[in-house]
């Protein structure tokens, strides 16, 4: 059972914690982390979500992502999620904070109302495909995509991609500004 910190709509911690499932059922704001992983060619890793996932099963998504457990920092969660989902060990000093954004999602059946404040990171240590160890409960595949190809998929509103339009736009801007 995973507890998350309850936030106000503007992202301030209320001092309360709640089960993640309850936060989703009640539409309470909470924190998550997204981590993007690159290879030596500068391509970005996408993971294909397991068919067992509650939201967006089987779709291509961020390299690694997850909820920030109550009391944890976003960096701690980022390191944990990379290890758990794709088997990448990246120490927190190798994570570059890119930006924070807010995202809301309501499942078609109305059972999940997910309101998240998301810290987005880029792992600055290059990772190659042979270094990945996918957790089959979380991930059913992974592949590196050149940024132009990824931009094309997103601009075409591919039904194969989890919709993170604001994040994708900010991500490309941040990555292209790197030295």
N, C-alpha and C. Protein backbone atom coordinates (compact mmCIF):
# COMPACT_ATOMS: atom_id res chain seq x y z
N UNK A 1 0.84 -1.17 0.00
CA UNK A 1 0.00 0.00 0.00
C UNK A 1 0.89 1.24 0.00
N UNK A 2 0.67 2.05 -0.99
CA UNK A 2 1.50 3.24 -1.13
C UNK A 2 0.73 4.49 -0.71
N UNK A 3 1.34 5.24 0.20
CA UNK A 3 0.77 6.51 0.63
C UNK A 3 1.44 7.64 -0.13
N UNK A 4 0.66 8.68 -0.44
CA UNK A 4 1.18 9.87 -1.10
C UNK A 4 0.81 11.08 -0.25
N UNK A 5 1.59 12.15 -0.38
CA UNK A 5 1.27 13.41 0.29
C UNK A 5 0.15 14.09 -0.47
N UNK A 6 -0.83 14.62 0.25
CA UNK A 6 -1.93 15.36 -0.36
C UNK A 6 -1.49 16.81 -0.52
N UNK A 7 -1.73 17.36 -1.71
CA UNK A 7 -1.34 18.74 -2.02
C UNK A 7 -2.57 19.61 -2.21
N UNK A 8 -2.36 20.92 -2.11
CA UNK A 8 -3.40 21.85 -2.54
C UNK A 8 -3.33 21.92 -4.06
N UNK A 9 -4.31 22.54 -4.68
CA UNK A 9 -4.33 22.62 -6.14
C UNK A 9 -3.10 23.36 -6.69
N UNK A 10 -2.54 24.27 -5.90
CA UNK A 10 -1.35 24.99 -6.38
C UNK A 10 -0.04 24.30 -5.97
N UNK A 11 -0.14 23.06 -5.45
CA UNK A 11 1.05 22.24 -5.22
C UNK A 11 1.67 22.30 -3.85
N UNK A 12 1.04 22.94 -2.90
CA UNK A 12 1.58 23.00 -1.54
C UNK A 12 1.13 21.78 -0.73
N UNK A 13 2.06 21.25 0.06
CA UNK A 13 1.77 20.08 0.88
C UNK A 13 0.81 20.46 2.00
N UNK A 14 -0.25 19.69 2.16
CA UNK A 14 -1.26 19.95 3.19
C UNK A 14 -0.87 19.35 4.54
N UNK A 15 0.16 18.49 4.54
CA UNK A 15 0.54 17.79 5.77
C UNK A 15 -0.23 16.49 5.95
N UNK A 16 -1.14 16.19 5.04
CA UNK A 16 -1.91 14.94 5.11
C UNK A 16 -1.33 13.94 4.13
N UNK A 17 -1.50 12.67 4.44
CA UNK A 17 -1.14 11.61 3.49
C UNK A 17 -2.33 10.70 3.32
N UNK A 18 -2.38 10.05 2.15
CA UNK A 18 -3.52 9.21 1.82
C UNK A 18 -3.04 8.08 0.91
N UNK A 19 -3.76 6.99 0.88
CA UNK A 19 -3.42 5.93 -0.07
C UNK A 19 -3.53 6.47 -1.49
N UNK A 20 -2.61 6.07 -2.33
CA UNK A 20 -2.62 6.52 -3.73
C UNK A 20 -3.98 6.23 -4.38
N UNK A 21 -4.51 5.04 -4.14
CA UNK A 21 -5.80 4.67 -4.74
C UNK A 21 -6.91 5.61 -4.27
N UNK A 22 -6.87 6.04 -3.03
CA UNK A 22 -7.86 6.98 -2.51
C UNK A 22 -7.69 8.36 -3.13
N UNK A 23 -6.43 8.78 -3.32
CA UNK A 23 -6.16 10.06 -3.98
C UNK A 23 -6.77 10.06 -5.38
N UNK A 24 -6.63 8.95 -6.08
CA UNK A 24 -7.19 8.83 -7.44
C UNK A 24 -8.71 8.77 -7.41
N UNK A 25 -9.28 8.09 -6.44
CA UNK A 25 -10.74 7.98 -6.35
C UNK A 25 -11.38 9.31 -5.99
N UNK A 26 -10.67 10.13 -5.19
CA UNK A 26 -11.22 11.40 -4.71
C UNK A 26 -10.74 12.61 -5.51
N UNK A 27 -9.83 12.38 -6.47
CA UNK A 27 -9.33 13.49 -7.27
C UNK A 27 -8.43 14.45 -6.51
N UNK A 28 -7.72 13.94 -5.50
CA UNK A 28 -6.84 14.79 -4.70
C UNK A 28 -5.49 14.99 -5.40
N UNK A 29 -4.96 16.20 -5.28
CA UNK A 29 -3.66 16.52 -5.88
C UNK A 29 -2.55 15.82 -5.10
N UNK A 30 -1.57 15.28 -5.84
CA UNK A 30 -0.42 14.60 -5.26
C UNK A 30 0.76 14.72 -6.22
N UNK A 31 1.93 14.28 -5.78
CA UNK A 31 3.15 14.46 -6.58
C UNK A 31 3.56 13.18 -7.29
N UNK A 32 4.09 13.37 -8.49
CA UNK A 32 4.67 12.27 -9.26
C UNK A 32 5.98 12.76 -9.88
N UNK A 33 6.69 11.82 -10.46
CA UNK A 33 7.96 12.13 -11.09
C UNK A 33 8.01 11.45 -12.45
N UNK A 34 8.57 12.15 -13.44
CA UNK A 34 8.81 11.60 -14.77
C UNK A 34 10.30 11.74 -15.05
N UNK A 35 10.90 10.67 -15.55
CA UNK A 35 12.32 10.69 -15.88
C UNK A 35 12.51 10.27 -17.33
N UNK A 36 13.24 11.08 -18.06
CA UNK A 36 13.58 10.77 -19.45
C UNK A 36 15.01 10.28 -19.49
N UNK A 37 15.24 9.23 -20.27
CA UNK A 37 16.55 8.59 -20.38
C UNK A 37 17.00 8.70 -21.83
N UNK A 38 18.28 9.06 -22.02
CA UNK A 38 18.86 9.17 -23.37
C UNK A 38 19.96 8.13 -23.55
N UNK A 39 20.22 7.83 -24.81
CA UNK A 39 21.38 6.99 -25.13
C UNK A 39 22.51 7.91 -25.65
N UNK A 40 23.61 7.32 -26.04
CA UNK A 40 24.76 8.11 -26.50
C UNK A 40 24.46 8.90 -27.78
N UNK A 41 23.46 8.47 -28.52
CA UNK A 41 23.09 9.16 -29.77
C UNK A 41 22.10 10.31 -29.51
N UNK A 42 21.71 10.49 -28.26
CA UNK A 42 20.76 11.54 -27.91
C UNK A 42 19.31 11.16 -28.12
N UNK A 43 19.06 9.89 -28.42
CA UNK A 43 17.69 9.41 -28.59
C UNK A 43 17.05 9.24 -27.21
N UNK A 44 15.74 9.41 -27.15
CA UNK A 44 15.01 9.29 -25.89
C UNK A 44 14.32 7.93 -25.78
N UNK A 45 14.36 7.38 -24.59
CA UNK A 45 13.75 6.08 -24.34
C UNK A 45 12.26 6.23 -24.07
N UNK A 46 11.48 5.43 -24.77
CA UNK A 46 10.05 5.30 -24.47
C UNK A 46 9.83 3.89 -23.94
N UNK A 47 8.97 3.78 -22.95
CA UNK A 47 8.57 2.46 -22.48
C UNK A 47 7.15 2.21 -22.94
N UNK A 48 6.87 0.95 -23.23
CA UNK A 48 5.50 0.56 -23.57
C UNK A 48 4.88 -0.02 -22.30
N UNK A 49 3.83 0.62 -21.85
CA UNK A 49 3.19 0.25 -20.60
C UNK A 49 2.59 -1.15 -20.67
N UNK A 50 2.71 -1.87 -19.57
CA UNK A 50 2.14 -3.20 -19.47
C UNK A 50 0.63 -3.16 -19.72
N UNK A 51 0.11 -4.25 -20.23
CA UNK A 51 -1.34 -4.34 -20.45
C UNK A 51 -2.10 -4.42 -19.12
N UNK A 52 -1.38 -4.63 -18.03
CA UNK A 52 -2.01 -4.70 -16.70
C UNK A 52 -2.16 -3.34 -16.03
N UNK A 53 -1.63 -2.28 -16.64
CA UNK A 53 -1.68 -0.95 -16.01
C UNK A 53 -3.12 -0.42 -16.01
N UNK A 54 -3.48 0.30 -14.93
CA UNK A 54 -4.82 0.87 -14.79
C UNK A 54 -5.12 1.92 -15.86
N UNK A 55 -4.12 2.74 -16.15
CA UNK A 55 -4.32 3.80 -17.14
C UNK A 55 -3.37 3.59 -18.31
N UNK A 56 -3.88 3.84 -19.49
CA UNK A 56 -3.12 3.78 -20.75
C UNK A 56 -2.36 2.47 -20.96
N UNK A 57 -2.98 1.31 -20.71
CA UNK A 57 -2.28 0.04 -20.92
C UNK A 57 -1.86 -0.12 -22.38
N UNK A 58 -0.63 -0.62 -22.57
CA UNK A 58 -0.13 -0.92 -23.90
C UNK A 58 0.35 0.28 -24.70
N UNK A 59 0.26 1.50 -24.14
CA UNK A 59 0.70 2.68 -24.89
C UNK A 59 2.15 3.03 -24.55
N UNK A 60 2.80 3.75 -25.48
CA UNK A 60 4.17 4.21 -25.29
C UNK A 60 4.16 5.44 -24.40
N UNK A 61 5.12 5.49 -23.48
CA UNK A 61 5.12 6.53 -22.45
C UNK A 61 6.55 6.94 -22.10
N UNK A 62 6.63 7.81 -21.13
CA UNK A 62 7.88 8.34 -20.60
C UNK A 62 8.82 7.19 -20.20
N UNK A 63 10.12 7.44 -20.24
CA UNK A 63 11.11 6.41 -19.91
C UNK A 63 10.81 5.71 -18.59
N UNK A 64 10.56 6.48 -17.54
CA UNK A 64 10.21 5.93 -16.22
C UNK A 64 9.40 6.99 -15.48
N UNK A 65 8.39 6.55 -14.76
CA UNK A 65 7.54 7.49 -14.05
C UNK A 65 6.89 6.80 -12.87
N UNK A 66 6.50 7.60 -11.88
CA UNK A 66 5.80 7.01 -10.76
C UNK A 66 5.39 8.04 -9.73
N UNK A 67 4.66 7.57 -8.77
CA UNK A 67 4.21 8.42 -7.68
C UNK A 67 5.33 8.63 -6.68
N UNK A 68 5.34 9.81 -6.08
CA UNK A 68 6.30 10.10 -5.03
C UNK A 68 5.65 9.69 -3.71
N UNK A 69 6.24 8.72 -3.05
CA UNK A 69 5.69 8.23 -1.78
C UNK A 69 5.73 9.33 -0.73
N UNK A 70 4.77 9.28 0.18
CA UNK A 70 4.69 10.28 1.25
C UNK A 70 6.04 10.40 1.95
N UNK A 71 6.50 11.64 2.07
CA UNK A 71 7.76 11.92 2.76
C UNK A 71 9.00 11.82 1.90
N UNK A 72 8.92 11.24 0.70
CA UNK A 72 10.08 11.11 -0.18
C UNK A 72 10.28 12.38 -1.00
N UNK A 73 11.49 12.55 -1.51
CA UNK A 73 11.78 13.64 -2.44
C UNK A 73 11.54 13.14 -3.86
N UNK A 74 11.40 14.06 -4.78
CA UNK A 74 11.20 13.65 -6.18
C UNK A 74 12.44 12.96 -6.73
N UNK A 75 13.62 13.37 -6.29
CA UNK A 75 14.86 12.70 -6.74
C UNK A 75 14.90 11.25 -6.27
N UNK A 76 14.52 11.01 -5.01
CA UNK A 76 14.48 9.64 -4.50
C UNK A 76 13.51 8.80 -5.33
N UNK A 77 12.36 9.36 -5.63
CA UNK A 77 11.37 8.64 -6.43
C UNK A 77 11.88 8.39 -7.84
N UNK A 78 12.57 9.37 -8.42
CA UNK A 78 13.10 9.21 -9.78
C UNK A 78 14.10 8.06 -9.85
N UNK A 79 15.02 8.03 -8.89
CA UNK A 79 16.02 6.95 -8.85
C UNK A 79 15.31 5.60 -8.69
N UNK A 80 14.33 5.53 -7.79
CA UNK A 80 13.59 4.28 -7.53
C UNK A 80 12.84 3.82 -8.78
N UNK A 81 12.13 4.74 -9.43
CA UNK A 81 11.32 4.35 -10.60
C UNK A 81 12.17 3.88 -11.77
N UNK A 82 13.31 4.52 -12.01
CA UNK A 82 14.19 4.05 -13.09
C UNK A 82 14.67 2.63 -12.82
N UNK A 83 15.05 2.37 -11.57
CA UNK A 83 15.52 1.04 -11.21
C UNK A 83 14.40 0.01 -11.31
N UNK A 84 13.23 0.34 -10.76
CA UNK A 84 12.10 -0.61 -10.75
C UNK A 84 11.58 -0.92 -12.14
N UNK A 85 11.36 0.10 -12.96
CA UNK A 85 10.68 -0.11 -14.24
C UNK A 85 11.58 -0.59 -15.36
N UNK A 86 12.77 0.00 -15.47
CA UNK A 86 13.63 -0.34 -16.62
C UNK A 86 15.03 -0.81 -16.21
N UNK A 87 15.26 -0.98 -14.90
CA UNK A 87 16.53 -1.53 -14.42
C UNK A 87 17.72 -0.61 -14.58
N UNK A 88 17.49 0.69 -14.64
CA UNK A 88 18.58 1.65 -14.81
C UNK A 88 18.98 2.21 -13.46
N UNK A 89 20.29 2.07 -13.15
CA UNK A 89 20.82 2.68 -11.93
C UNK A 89 21.45 4.01 -12.30
N UNK A 90 20.84 5.06 -11.82
CA UNK A 90 21.33 6.41 -12.10
C UNK A 90 21.32 7.13 -10.76
N UNK A 91 22.48 7.62 -10.31
CA UNK A 91 22.45 8.28 -9.01
C UNK A 91 21.81 9.65 -9.15
N UNK A 92 21.32 10.16 -8.04
CA UNK A 92 20.51 11.38 -8.09
C UNK A 92 21.29 12.59 -8.60
N UNK A 93 22.63 12.59 -8.44
CA UNK A 93 23.42 13.72 -8.94
C UNK A 93 23.44 13.75 -10.48
N UNK A 94 23.17 12.61 -11.11
CA UNK A 94 23.15 12.55 -12.58
C UNK A 94 21.79 12.95 -13.16
N UNK A 95 20.85 13.28 -12.29
CA UNK A 95 19.52 13.72 -12.75
C UNK A 95 19.50 15.23 -12.90
N UNK A 96 19.11 15.71 -14.06
CA UNK A 96 18.95 17.15 -14.26
C UNK A 96 17.47 17.48 -14.18
N UNK A 97 17.12 18.33 -13.21
CA UNK A 97 15.75 18.78 -13.09
C UNK A 97 15.45 19.68 -14.29
N UNK A 98 14.34 19.39 -14.99
CA UNK A 98 13.96 20.19 -16.16
C UNK A 98 12.85 21.18 -15.84
N UNK A 99 11.75 20.70 -15.24
CA UNK A 99 10.62 21.58 -14.95
C UNK A 99 9.58 20.83 -14.13
N UNK A 100 8.63 21.59 -13.61
CA UNK A 100 7.48 21.03 -12.90
C UNK A 100 6.24 21.43 -13.67
N UNK A 101 5.29 20.53 -13.79
CA UNK A 101 4.02 20.87 -14.43
C UNK A 101 2.88 20.18 -13.69
N UNK A 102 1.68 20.63 -13.98
CA UNK A 102 0.47 20.04 -13.39
C UNK A 102 -0.29 19.35 -14.50
N UNK A 103 -0.88 18.22 -14.16
CA UNK A 103 -1.62 17.45 -15.15
C UNK A 103 -2.83 16.79 -14.49
N UNK A 104 -3.95 16.83 -15.18
CA UNK A 104 -5.17 16.18 -14.69
C UNK A 104 -5.64 15.18 -15.73
N UNK A 105 -6.15 14.06 -15.24
CA UNK A 105 -6.66 13.01 -16.12
C UNK A 105 -7.85 12.35 -15.44
N UNK A 106 -8.92 12.16 -16.21
CA UNK A 106 -10.09 11.42 -15.74
C UNK A 106 -10.24 10.20 -16.63
N UNK A 107 -10.32 9.01 -16.01
CA UNK A 107 -10.48 7.79 -16.79
C UNK A 107 -11.87 7.78 -17.44
N UNK A 108 -11.99 7.13 -18.60
CA UNK A 108 -13.28 7.08 -19.29
C UNK A 108 -14.41 6.52 -18.43
N UNK A 109 -14.08 5.60 -17.51
CA UNK A 109 -15.11 5.01 -16.66
C UNK A 109 -15.41 5.87 -15.43
N UNK A 110 -14.65 6.96 -15.25
CA UNK A 110 -14.86 7.87 -14.14
C UNK A 110 -14.35 7.39 -12.80
N UNK A 111 -13.68 6.24 -12.76
CA UNK A 111 -13.21 5.69 -11.49
C UNK A 111 -11.90 6.33 -11.03
N UNK A 112 -11.15 6.90 -11.96
CA UNK A 112 -9.88 7.52 -11.62
C UNK A 112 -9.92 9.00 -12.00
N UNK A 113 -9.63 9.84 -11.03
CA UNK A 113 -9.44 11.28 -11.29
C UNK A 113 -8.06 11.60 -10.76
N UNK A 114 -7.09 11.65 -11.66
CA UNK A 114 -5.68 11.76 -11.29
C UNK A 114 -5.23 13.21 -11.47
N UNK A 115 -4.97 13.89 -10.36
CA UNK A 115 -4.48 15.27 -10.38
C UNK A 115 -3.06 15.27 -9.82
N UNK A 116 -2.10 15.56 -10.70
CA UNK A 116 -0.69 15.41 -10.34
C UNK A 116 0.09 16.71 -10.52
N UNK A 117 1.05 16.91 -9.61
CA UNK A 117 2.10 17.89 -9.77
C UNK A 117 3.34 17.05 -10.09
N UNK A 118 3.90 17.27 -11.28
CA UNK A 118 4.94 16.38 -11.80
C UNK A 118 6.28 17.09 -11.88
N UNK A 119 7.31 16.49 -11.27
CA UNK A 119 8.69 16.95 -11.46
C UNK A 119 9.28 16.11 -12.58
N UNK A 120 9.85 16.79 -13.58
CA UNK A 120 10.39 16.12 -14.76
C UNK A 120 11.92 16.24 -14.75
N UNK A 121 12.58 15.11 -14.94
CA UNK A 121 14.04 15.03 -14.94
C UNK A 121 14.56 14.40 -16.23
N UNK A 122 15.83 14.67 -16.51
CA UNK A 122 16.56 14.00 -17.57
C UNK A 122 17.75 13.32 -16.92
N UNK A 123 17.92 12.03 -17.17
CA UNK A 123 19.09 11.30 -16.68
C UNK A 123 20.25 11.68 -17.60
N UNK A 124 21.28 12.29 -17.04
CA UNK A 124 22.40 12.79 -17.84
C UNK A 124 23.42 11.70 -18.17
N UNK A 125 23.29 10.53 -17.56
CA UNK A 125 24.17 9.41 -17.86
C UNK A 125 23.57 8.63 -19.02
N UNK A 126 24.26 8.54 -20.16
CA UNK A 126 23.70 7.79 -21.29
C UNK A 126 23.50 6.31 -20.94
N UNK A 127 22.41 5.76 -21.43
CA UNK A 127 22.05 4.36 -21.19
C UNK A 127 21.81 3.71 -22.55
N UNK A 128 22.25 2.50 -22.71
CA UNK A 128 22.05 1.79 -23.98
C UNK A 128 21.00 0.68 -23.78
N UNK A 129 20.38 0.28 -24.86
CA UNK A 129 19.27 -0.68 -24.80
C UNK A 129 19.66 -1.98 -24.09
N UNK A 130 20.88 -2.47 -24.32
CA UNK A 130 21.29 -3.74 -23.68
C UNK A 130 21.43 -3.61 -22.16
N UNK A 131 21.43 -2.38 -21.63
CA UNK A 131 21.54 -2.16 -20.19
C UNK A 131 20.19 -2.18 -19.48
N UNK A 132 19.12 -2.24 -20.25
CA UNK A 132 17.77 -2.20 -19.67
C UNK A 132 17.35 -3.57 -19.15
N UNK A 133 16.65 -3.57 -18.02
CA UNK A 133 16.01 -4.77 -17.49
C UNK A 133 14.58 -4.36 -17.18
N UNK A 134 13.65 -4.78 -18.02
CA UNK A 134 12.26 -4.35 -17.90
C UNK A 134 11.50 -5.18 -16.88
N UNK A 135 10.70 -4.50 -16.05
CA UNK A 135 9.83 -5.18 -15.10
C UNK A 135 8.54 -5.50 -15.84
N UNK A 136 8.25 -6.79 -16.11
CA UNK A 136 7.08 -7.14 -16.92
C UNK A 136 5.74 -6.73 -16.30
N UNK A 137 5.70 -6.48 -14.98
CA UNK A 137 4.46 -6.00 -14.37
C UNK A 137 4.19 -4.54 -14.74
N UNK A 138 5.25 -3.82 -15.09
CA UNK A 138 5.15 -2.40 -15.39
C UNK A 138 5.28 -2.09 -16.89
N UNK A 139 6.20 -2.81 -17.55
CA UNK A 139 6.64 -2.45 -18.89
C UNK A 139 6.66 -3.68 -19.79
N UNK A 140 6.08 -3.53 -21.00
CA UNK A 140 6.10 -4.66 -21.93
C UNK A 140 7.08 -4.47 -23.09
N UNK A 141 7.74 -3.34 -23.13
CA UNK A 141 8.72 -3.09 -24.18
C UNK A 141 9.35 -1.73 -23.97
N UNK A 142 10.47 -1.50 -24.66
CA UNK A 142 11.14 -0.20 -24.58
C UNK A 142 11.94 -0.02 -25.86
N UNK A 143 12.06 1.24 -26.28
CA UNK A 143 12.83 1.54 -27.48
C UNK A 143 13.30 2.99 -27.43
N UNK A 144 14.48 3.22 -27.99
CA UNK A 144 14.98 4.58 -28.11
C UNK A 144 14.50 5.19 -29.42
N UNK A 145 14.08 6.44 -29.36
CA UNK A 145 13.58 7.14 -30.53
C UNK A 145 14.38 8.41 -30.77
N UNK A 146 14.79 8.65 -32.02
CA UNK A 146 15.40 9.95 -32.34
C UNK A 146 14.35 11.04 -32.10
N UNK A 147 14.78 12.19 -31.64
CA UNK A 147 13.85 13.27 -31.32
C UNK A 147 12.97 13.65 -32.51
N UNK A 148 13.51 13.78 -33.74
CA UNK A 148 12.61 14.13 -34.86
C UNK A 148 11.49 13.11 -35.07
N UNK A 149 11.80 11.83 -34.90
CA UNK A 149 10.78 10.78 -35.05
C UNK A 149 9.74 10.87 -33.93
N UNK A 150 10.21 11.14 -32.73
CA UNK A 150 9.31 11.29 -31.59
C UNK A 150 8.40 12.51 -31.78
N UNK A 151 8.98 13.60 -32.24
CA UNK A 151 8.18 14.81 -32.50
C UNK A 151 7.09 14.52 -33.54
N UNK A 152 7.43 13.73 -34.54
CA UNK A 152 6.45 13.40 -35.58
C UNK A 152 5.29 12.59 -35.00
N UNK A 153 5.62 11.57 -34.20
CA UNK A 153 4.57 10.76 -33.56
C UNK A 153 3.64 11.63 -32.73
N UNK A 154 4.22 12.55 -32.00
CA UNK A 154 3.44 13.42 -31.12
C UNK A 154 2.61 14.42 -31.92
N UNK A 155 3.19 15.00 -32.95
CA UNK A 155 2.45 15.98 -33.75
C UNK A 155 1.29 15.32 -34.49
N UNK A 156 1.44 14.05 -34.82
CA UNK A 156 0.36 13.31 -35.49
C UNK A 156 -0.68 12.79 -34.50
N UNK A 157 -0.49 13.10 -33.22
CA UNK A 157 -1.41 12.64 -32.16
C UNK A 157 -1.59 11.13 -32.22
N UNK A 158 -0.46 10.42 -32.33
CA UNK A 158 -0.49 8.97 -32.42
C UNK A 158 -1.30 8.37 -31.27
N UNK A 159 -2.21 7.47 -31.62
CA UNK A 159 -3.02 6.78 -30.62
C UNK A 159 -2.18 5.78 -29.83
N UNK A 160 -0.93 5.59 -30.24
CA UNK A 160 -0.05 4.66 -29.54
C UNK A 160 0.70 5.32 -28.38
N UNK A 161 0.59 6.65 -28.27
CA UNK A 161 1.33 7.41 -27.27
C UNK A 161 0.41 7.92 -26.16
N UNK A 162 0.91 7.87 -24.92
CA UNK A 162 0.18 8.49 -23.81
C UNK A 162 0.21 10.00 -24.06
N UNK A 163 -0.95 10.66 -23.97
CA UNK A 163 -0.99 12.10 -24.26
C UNK A 163 -0.41 12.95 -23.13
N UNK A 164 0.78 13.49 -23.38
CA UNK A 164 1.45 14.41 -22.45
C UNK A 164 1.87 15.65 -23.24
N UNK A 165 0.96 16.26 -23.97
CA UNK A 165 1.31 17.32 -24.92
C UNK A 165 2.16 18.43 -24.32
N UNK A 166 1.75 18.97 -23.19
CA UNK A 166 2.52 20.07 -22.58
C UNK A 166 3.92 19.61 -22.20
N UNK A 167 4.01 18.41 -21.65
CA UNK A 167 5.33 17.89 -21.24
C UNK A 167 6.23 17.67 -22.44
N UNK A 168 5.70 17.09 -23.51
CA UNK A 168 6.53 16.85 -24.68
C UNK A 168 7.11 18.16 -25.22
N UNK A 169 6.27 19.18 -25.32
CA UNK A 169 6.73 20.47 -25.85
C UNK A 169 7.85 21.05 -24.98
N UNK A 170 7.65 21.03 -23.66
CA UNK A 170 8.67 21.56 -22.74
C UNK A 170 9.94 20.70 -22.76
N UNK A 171 9.75 19.39 -22.88
CA UNK A 171 10.89 18.47 -22.92
C UNK A 171 11.79 18.77 -24.12
N UNK A 172 11.19 18.87 -25.30
CA UNK A 172 12.00 19.11 -26.49
C UNK A 172 12.74 20.43 -26.39
N UNK A 173 12.07 21.44 -25.88
CA UNK A 173 12.70 22.75 -25.71
C UNK A 173 13.88 22.64 -24.75
N UNK A 174 13.70 21.94 -23.64
CA UNK A 174 14.78 21.80 -22.64
C UNK A 174 15.94 20.98 -23.18
N UNK A 175 15.65 19.86 -23.84
CA UNK A 175 16.71 18.98 -24.35
C UNK A 175 17.48 19.66 -25.46
N UNK A 176 16.79 20.37 -26.33
CA UNK A 176 17.48 21.04 -27.43
C UNK A 176 18.34 22.21 -26.95
N UNK A 177 18.08 22.73 -25.75
CA UNK A 177 18.86 23.84 -25.20
C UNK A 177 20.12 23.34 -24.48
N UNK A 178 20.22 22.02 -24.27
CA UNK A 178 21.40 21.48 -23.58
C UNK A 178 22.64 21.61 -24.46
N UNK A 179 23.80 21.78 -23.79
CA UNK A 179 25.07 21.86 -24.57
C UNK A 179 25.41 20.55 -25.24
